[in-house]
């Protein structure tokens, strides 16, 4: 246990330092301009990415950074469940849940078609489609063994998705002002279009707490689509070959189960009121730490190495996902 802690400590410290710098920058913005134009969540990603792009991360820090980007993030998302009431999603009920599932299927089909039209290999087109439409890196990692994807394709897809995800986090709050979305509409739009759970937190938190809550719920429903999609890909495999079975924990992650459990307890009033504020504060700090760690894993130069076909496929697919999401909001009449 002690050896594990010592191995993780340098990366945890580095992530904490970057997080602290982001918090100080946010406070500096508030002092200078009367408001923070970039929240600490976004600043943590940018600072981490800047550090990674300018200089390699010391080898001693890599394990702790990976731990922070994964486990600490998952813990933060689970704790966020204590701050979320299911009222918003229950109010729209099955139409919203069914709409999210349909939107994911449509987005996968659209993204795959774009990739194939641009002559991406089948496996690469599937990786990009699932990464865009479900949950970014996690979907790519889960789908890769099912379709026997090449390691280089997996690495390229993950690297590019990580970089573009940061861009989406920065642009989406600005788009909210252009489209004049309500907090509920923006939360659903962010939850539907942003790649990964942490990026949804970073994109929705600067707008409103309501947007953060509904965006997280919508995003987690998208994540739960990973199981059916992987099962469908297994059934539809073109070569009919054997493949490595995925553990149930990869299809239904523990932190989603924990999030839903805490959300249920909060919704029925079973959580002590004294625990709500500490859980919210802990979730916020841990989320910022994980953002810093995610940034430390993103080399912005990956965009230059991705290639024109991959870049075009991802960008066009993202636009298509945004239009599908906007259509879902309009069809359901969400205000």
Protein backbone atom coordinates (compact mmCIF):
# COMPACT_ATOMS: atom_id res chain seq x y z
CA UNK A 1 0.00 0.00 0.00
CA UNK A 2 2.79 2.43 0.95
CA UNK A 3 4.63 1.69 -2.29
CA UNK A 4 1.47 2.38 -4.29
CA UNK A 5 0.95 5.72 -2.54
CA UNK A 6 4.56 6.72 -3.15
CA UNK A 7 4.26 5.76 -6.82
CA UNK A 8 1.12 7.86 -7.26
CA UNK A 9 2.19 10.82 -5.12
CA UNK A 10 4.26 12.81 -7.70
CA UNK A 11 1.41 12.82 -10.25
CA UNK A 12 -1.16 13.69 -7.58
CA UNK A 13 1.00 16.60 -6.44
CA UNK A 14 1.49 17.85 -10.00
CA UNK A 15 -2.27 17.67 -10.67
CA UNK A 16 -2.93 19.52 -7.40
CA UNK A 17 -0.43 22.27 -8.28
CA UNK A 18 -2.03 22.79 -11.71
CA UNK A 19 -5.47 22.84 -10.06
CA UNK A 20 -4.32 25.42 -7.51
CA UNK A 21 -2.93 27.61 -10.29
CA UNK A 22 -6.27 27.37 -12.14
CA UNK A 23 -8.20 28.40 -9.01
CA UNK A 24 -5.87 31.37 -8.48
CA UNK A 25 -6.28 32.44 -12.11
CA UNK A 26 -10.07 32.27 -11.77
CA UNK A 27 -9.91 34.46 -8.67
CA UNK A 28 -7.61 36.86 -10.52
CA UNK A 29 -10.15 37.12 -13.36
CA UNK A 30 -12.90 37.89 -10.86
CA UNK A 31 -10.79 40.56 -9.16
CA UNK A 32 -9.85 42.23 -12.46
CA UNK A 33 -13.07 41.91 -14.47
CA UNK A 34 -15.76 41.36 -11.87
CA UNK A 35 -16.44 37.86 -13.20
CA UNK A 36 -14.56 34.77 -14.31
CA UNK A 37 -14.68 34.42 -18.10
CA UNK A 38 -12.96 31.02 -17.86
CA UNK A 39 -13.85 28.80 -14.89
CA UNK A 40 -11.17 26.92 -12.96
CA UNK A 41 -12.38 23.64 -14.53
CA UNK A 42 -11.56 24.90 -18.02
CA UNK A 43 -8.39 26.66 -16.90
CA UNK A 44 -7.15 23.42 -15.32
CA UNK A 45 -7.52 21.61 -18.67
CA UNK A 46 -5.78 24.42 -20.55
CA UNK A 47 -2.92 24.72 -18.07
CA UNK A 48 -2.41 20.97 -17.98
CA UNK A 49 -2.39 20.74 -21.77
CA UNK A 50 0.02 23.69 -21.99
CA UNK A 51 2.42 22.01 -19.57
CA UNK A 52 2.22 18.72 -21.49
CA UNK A 53 2.69 20.38 -24.89
CA UNK A 54 5.63 22.55 -23.81
CA UNK A 55 7.56 19.84 -21.96
CA UNK A 56 7.26 16.07 -21.41
CA UNK A 57 5.69 15.00 -18.12
CA UNK A 58 8.34 13.46 -15.80
CA UNK A 59 8.12 9.68 -15.81
CA UNK A 60 7.65 9.66 -12.05
CA UNK A 61 4.42 11.65 -12.46
CA UNK A 62 2.75 9.54 -15.14
CA UNK A 63 1.14 6.93 -12.86
CA UNK A 64 -0.33 9.55 -10.52
CA UNK A 65 -1.62 11.65 -13.44
CA UNK A 66 -3.35 8.60 -14.95
CA UNK A 67 -4.83 7.74 -11.55
CA UNK A 68 -6.15 11.28 -11.11
CA UNK A 69 -7.59 11.41 -14.62
CA UNK A 70 -9.45 8.14 -14.09
CA UNK A 71 -10.21 7.19 -10.48
CA UNK A 72 -10.33 10.70 -8.99
CA UNK A 73 -12.62 11.78 -11.84
CA UNK A 74 -14.89 8.78 -11.33
CA UNK A 75 -15.08 9.51 -7.59
CA UNK A 76 -15.96 13.15 -8.35
CA UNK A 77 -18.74 12.14 -10.72
CA UNK A 78 -20.14 9.69 -8.17
CA UNK A 79 -20.19 12.39 -5.45
CA UNK A 80 -21.95 14.75 -7.86
CA UNK A 81 -24.94 12.43 -7.61
CA UNK A 82 -25.52 13.76 -4.09
CA UNK A 83 -26.16 17.22 -5.60
CA UNK A 84 -28.55 16.08 -8.33
CA UNK A 85 -32.28 15.54 -8.14
CA UNK A 86 -33.86 13.33 -10.78
CA UNK A 87 -36.80 15.72 -11.15
CA UNK A 88 -35.71 17.26 -14.45
CA UNK A 89 -35.27 14.00 -16.32
CA UNK A 90 -38.29 12.35 -14.65
CA UNK A 91 -40.46 15.28 -15.73
CA UNK A 92 -39.81 14.42 -19.38
CA UNK A 93 -39.73 10.69 -18.66
CA UNK A 94 -39.47 8.06 -21.35
CA UNK A 95 -39.58 10.48 -24.33
CA UNK A 96 -36.26 12.05 -23.24
CA UNK A 97 -34.63 8.69 -22.45
CA UNK A 98 -35.81 7.23 -25.73
CA UNK A 99 -34.74 10.37 -27.59
CA UNK A 100 -31.22 10.15 -26.15
CA UNK A 101 -30.91 6.49 -27.22
CA UNK A 102 -32.21 7.28 -30.72
CA UNK A 103 -29.88 10.28 -31.03
CA UNK A 104 -26.87 8.11 -30.14
CA UNK A 105 -27.82 5.52 -32.79
CA UNK A 106 -28.37 8.21 -35.44
CA UNK A 107 -25.09 9.92 -34.56
CA UNK A 108 -23.14 6.66 -34.83
CA UNK A 109 -24.67 5.95 -38.23
CA UNK A 110 -24.02 9.48 -39.49
CA UNK A 111 -20.44 9.59 -38.22
CA UNK A 112 -19.63 6.16 -39.66
CA UNK A 113 -21.09 7.16 -43.04
CA UNK A 114 -18.99 10.34 -43.11
CA UNK A 115 -15.85 8.38 -42.28
CA UNK A 116 -16.45 5.83 -45.00
CA UNK A 117 -17.27 8.53 -47.56
CA UNK A 118 -13.89 10.06 -46.73
CA UNK A 119 -12.33 6.61 -47.23
CA UNK A 120 -11.38 5.91 -43.64
CA UNK A 121 -10.87 2.18 -42.97
CA UNK A 122 -13.89 0.40 -41.48
CA UNK A 123 -12.30 -0.03 -38.05
CA UNK A 124 -11.15 3.60 -37.83
CA UNK A 125 -14.59 4.85 -38.91
CA UNK A 126 -16.24 2.74 -36.18
CA UNK A 127 -13.85 4.03 -33.52
CA UNK A 128 -14.45 7.66 -34.47
CA UNK A 129 -18.22 7.13 -34.66
CA UNK A 130 -18.47 5.49 -31.24
CA UNK A 131 -16.05 7.93 -29.62
CA UNK A 132 -18.00 10.91 -30.97
CA UNK A 133 -21.45 9.56 -30.24
CA UNK A 134 -21.10 7.86 -26.85
CA UNK A 135 -18.30 8.77 -24.47
CA UNK A 136 -15.02 9.58 -26.18
CA UNK A 137 -11.97 7.63 -25.02
CA UNK A 138 -13.94 5.11 -22.95
CA UNK A 139 -16.06 4.12 -25.94
CA UNK A 140 -13.00 3.86 -28.19
CA UNK A 141 -11.22 1.66 -25.64
CA UNK A 142 -14.27 -0.58 -25.18
CA UNK A 143 -15.05 -0.96 -28.88
CA UNK A 144 -11.47 -1.52 -30.06
CA UNK A 145 -11.10 -5.17 -28.96
CA UNK A 146 -14.54 -6.07 -30.32
CA UNK A 147 -13.63 -4.95 -33.86
CA UNK A 148 -9.93 -5.93 -33.60
CA UNK A 149 -8.84 -2.33 -34.22
CA UNK A 150 -5.19 -1.59 -34.89
CA UNK A 151 -3.29 -0.07 -31.96
CA UNK A 152 -2.22 2.95 -34.01
CA UNK A 153 -5.85 3.67 -34.96
CA UNK A 154 -6.87 3.47 -31.30
CA UNK A 155 -4.07 5.81 -30.20
CA UNK A 156 -4.82 8.30 -32.98
CA UNK A 157 -8.56 8.30 -32.22
CA UNK A 158 -8.02 8.81 -28.49
CA UNK A 159 -5.42 11.56 -28.93
CA UNK A 160 -7.52 13.54 -31.39
CA UNK A 161 -10.72 13.11 -29.38
CA UNK A 162 -8.96 14.42 -26.27
CA UNK A 163 -7.68 17.54 -28.04
CA UNK A 164 -10.93 18.34 -29.84
CA UNK A 165 -12.83 17.72 -26.61
CA UNK A 166 -10.97 20.61 -24.99
CA UNK A 167 -11.92 22.86 -27.93
CA UNK A 168 -15.58 21.89 -27.57
CA UNK A 169 -15.50 22.70 -23.84
CA UNK A 170 -14.25 26.21 -24.66
CA UNK A 171 -16.67 26.88 -27.54
CA UNK A 172 -19.91 25.43 -26.18
CA UNK A 173 -20.60 28.07 -23.48
CA UNK A 174 -20.15 30.78 -26.14
CA UNK A 175 -22.61 28.96 -28.40
CA UNK A 176 -25.12 29.01 -25.57
CA UNK A 177 -25.22 32.80 -25.75
CA UNK A 178 -25.66 32.76 -29.53
CA UNK A 179 -28.54 30.27 -29.43
CA UNK A 180 -30.11 31.82 -26.31
CA UNK A 181 -30.74 28.42 -24.72
CA UNK A 182 -32.47 28.02 -21.38
CA UNK A 183 -30.43 26.30 -18.63
CA UNK A 184 -32.37 23.06 -19.18
CA UNK A 185 -31.91 23.19 -22.96
CA UNK A 186 -28.21 23.96 -22.64
CA UNK A 187 -27.69 21.14 -20.16
CA UNK A 188 -29.30 18.64 -22.53
CA UNK A 189 -27.37 20.07 -25.49
CA UNK A 190 -24.05 19.84 -23.61
CA UNK A 191 -24.82 16.35 -22.34
CA UNK A 192 -25.62 15.21 -25.87
CA UNK A 193 -22.73 16.80 -27.76
CA UNK A 194 -19.68 16.79 -25.47
CA UNK A 195 -17.52 13.67 -25.68
CA UNK A 196 -16.67 12.68 -22.13
CA UNK A 197 -18.20 13.03 -18.67
CA UNK A 198 -15.51 15.40 -17.35
CA UNK A 199 -15.84 17.61 -20.40
CA UNK A 200 -19.60 17.86 -19.81
CA UNK A 201 -18.85 19.06 -16.29
CA UNK A 202 -16.43 21.67 -17.61
CA UNK A 203 -18.80 22.85 -20.36
CA UNK A 204 -21.96 23.00 -18.23
CA UNK A 205 -20.69 24.28 -14.87
CA UNK A 206 -19.90 27.84 -16.12
CA UNK A 207 -23.50 28.26 -17.34
CA UNK A 208 -25.61 27.18 -14.36
CA UNK A 209 -26.04 24.50 -11.71
CA UNK A 210 -29.22 23.33 -13.44
CA UNK A 211 -27.30 22.90 -16.70
CA UNK A 212 -24.60 20.94 -14.87
CA UNK A 213 -27.12 18.60 -13.27
CA UNK A 214 -29.22 17.79 -16.34
CA UNK A 215 -26.12 17.69 -18.57
CA UNK A 216 -24.52 15.08 -16.31
CA UNK A 217 -27.68 12.99 -16.27
CA UNK A 218 -28.03 13.09 -20.05
CA UNK A 219 -24.35 12.25 -20.49
CA UNK A 220 -24.57 9.26 -18.17
CA UNK A 221 -27.54 7.94 -20.17
CA UNK A 222 -25.32 8.20 -23.27
CA UNK A 223 -22.56 6.31 -21.44
CA UNK A 224 -25.02 3.54 -20.57
CA UNK A 225 -25.60 3.12 -24.32
CA UNK A 226 -22.07 1.70 -24.54
CA UNK A 227 -23.24 -1.76 -23.44
CA UNK A 228 -25.94 -2.16 -26.13
CA UNK A 229 -23.65 -0.70 -28.81
CA UNK A 230 -20.79 -3.07 -27.97
CA UNK A 231 -23.23 -5.98 -27.93
CA UNK A 232 -24.61 -4.89 -31.30
CA UNK A 233 -21.13 -4.63 -32.80
CA UNK A 234 -20.34 -8.11 -31.47
CA UNK A 235 -23.43 -9.58 -33.15
CA UNK A 236 -22.83 -7.73 -36.42
CA UNK A 237 -19.13 -8.51 -36.75
CA UNK A 238 -18.34 -9.05 -40.37
CA UNK A 239 -15.77 -11.84 -39.87
CA UNK A 240 -17.73 -13.77 -37.26
CA UNK A 241 -14.49 -14.35 -35.36
CA UNK A 242 -13.97 -14.77 -31.68
CA UNK A 243 -13.19 -11.74 -29.56
CA UNK A 244 -12.27 -10.95 -25.99
CA UNK A 245 -15.32 -10.60 -23.76
CA UNK A 246 -15.57 -7.28 -21.98
CA UNK A 247 -16.05 -7.28 -18.20
CA UNK A 248 -19.40 -6.00 -16.97
CA UNK A 249 -17.60 -3.20 -15.08
CA UNK A 250 -16.45 -1.75 -18.40
CA UNK A 251 -20.00 -1.69 -19.75
CA UNK A 252 -21.62 -0.35 -16.55
CA UNK A 253 -18.87 1.51 -14.65
CA UNK A 254 -18.99 1.55 -10.84
CA UNK A 255 -19.11 5.34 -10.65
CA UNK A 256 -22.31 5.47 -12.69
CA UNK A 257 -23.91 2.98 -10.30
CA UNK A 258 -22.72 5.13 -7.39
CA UNK A 259 -23.94 8.34 -9.04
CA UNK A 260 -27.40 6.88 -9.66
CA UNK A 261 -27.58 5.52 -6.09
CA UNK A 262 -26.68 8.90 -4.54
CA UNK A 263 -29.05 10.70 -6.91
CA UNK A 264 -31.87 8.36 -5.89
CA UNK A 265 -31.15 8.88 -2.19
CA UNK A 266 -31.05 12.66 -2.73
CA UNK A 267 -34.30 12.59 -4.73
CA UNK A 268 -36.21 10.74 -1.98
CA UNK A 269 -34.69 12.87 0.81
CA UNK A 270 -32.68 10.03 2.33
CA UNK A 271 -29.34 11.88 2.40
CA UNK A 272 -28.65 13.97 5.54
CA UNK A 273 -28.67 17.68 4.67
CA UNK A 274 -25.35 18.13 6.49
CA UNK A 275 -23.62 15.92 3.91
CA UNK A 276 -24.85 17.70 0.78
CA UNK A 277 -22.58 20.76 0.86
CA UNK A 278 -19.37 18.83 1.74
CA UNK A 279 -20.13 16.31 -1.02
CA UNK A 280 -20.69 19.13 -3.52
CA UNK A 281 -17.45 20.89 -2.50
CA UNK A 282 -15.44 17.67 -2.63
CA UNK A 283 -16.86 16.83 -6.04
CA UNK A 284 -15.91 20.29 -7.34
CA UNK A 285 -12.31 20.11 -6.16
CA UNK A 286 -11.80 16.51 -7.30
CA UNK A 287 -13.30 17.40 -10.69
CA UNK A 288 -10.84 20.27 -11.08
CA UNK A 289 -7.97 17.93 -10.18
CA UNK A 290 -9.10 15.41 -12.77
CA UNK A 291 -9.39 18.19 -15.37
CA UNK A 292 -5.78 19.15 -14.68
CA UNK A 293 -4.74 15.52 -15.05
CA UNK A 294 -6.69 15.15 -18.30
CA UNK A 295 -4.97 18.27 -19.60
CA UNK A 296 -1.60 16.83 -18.60
CA UNK A 297 -2.43 13.86 -20.85
CA UNK A 298 -3.29 15.99 -23.90
CA UNK A 299 -0.59 16.98 -26.35
CA UNK A 300 -2.12 19.70 -28.58
CA UNK A 301 0.28 18.71 -31.36
CA UNK A 302 -1.79 15.52 -31.80
CA UNK A 303 -4.14 17.50 -34.05
CA UNK A 304 -1.34 18.07 -36.52
CA UNK A 305 -0.56 14.36 -36.60
CA UNK A 306 -4.16 13.15 -36.97
CA UNK A 307 -4.48 13.66 -40.71
CA UNK A 308 -7.01 15.53 -42.82
CA UNK A 309 -9.46 12.64 -43.22
CA UNK A 310 -9.71 11.94 -39.49
CA UNK A 311 -9.93 15.64 -38.69
CA UNK A 312 -12.70 16.23 -41.23
CA UNK A 313 -14.63 13.15 -40.11
CA UNK A 314 -14.55 14.14 -36.44
CA UNK A 315 -15.49 17.79 -37.07
CA UNK A 316 -18.35 16.97 -39.49
CA UNK A 317 -19.58 14.25 -37.11
CA UNK A 318 -19.56 16.70 -34.23
CA UNK A 319 -21.63 19.19 -36.22
CA UNK A 320 -24.05 16.39 -37.10
CA UNK A 321 -24.32 15.37 -33.44
CA UNK A 322 -25.06 18.98 -32.52
CA UNK A 323 -27.86 19.18 -35.09
CA UNK A 324 -29.33 15.88 -33.91
CA UNK A 325 -29.23 17.12 -30.32
CA UNK A 326 -30.89 20.41 -31.23
CA UNK A 327 -33.55 18.46 -33.11
CA UNK A 328 -34.19 16.29 -30.04
CA UNK A 329 -34.72 19.38 -27.87
CA UNK A 330 -37.08 20.89 -30.46
CA UNK A 331 -39.12 17.71 -31.02
CA UNK A 332 -39.61 17.15 -27.28
CA UNK A 333 -40.55 20.80 -26.79
CA UNK A 334 -38.10 21.23 -23.91
CA UNK A 335 -37.92 24.76 -22.52
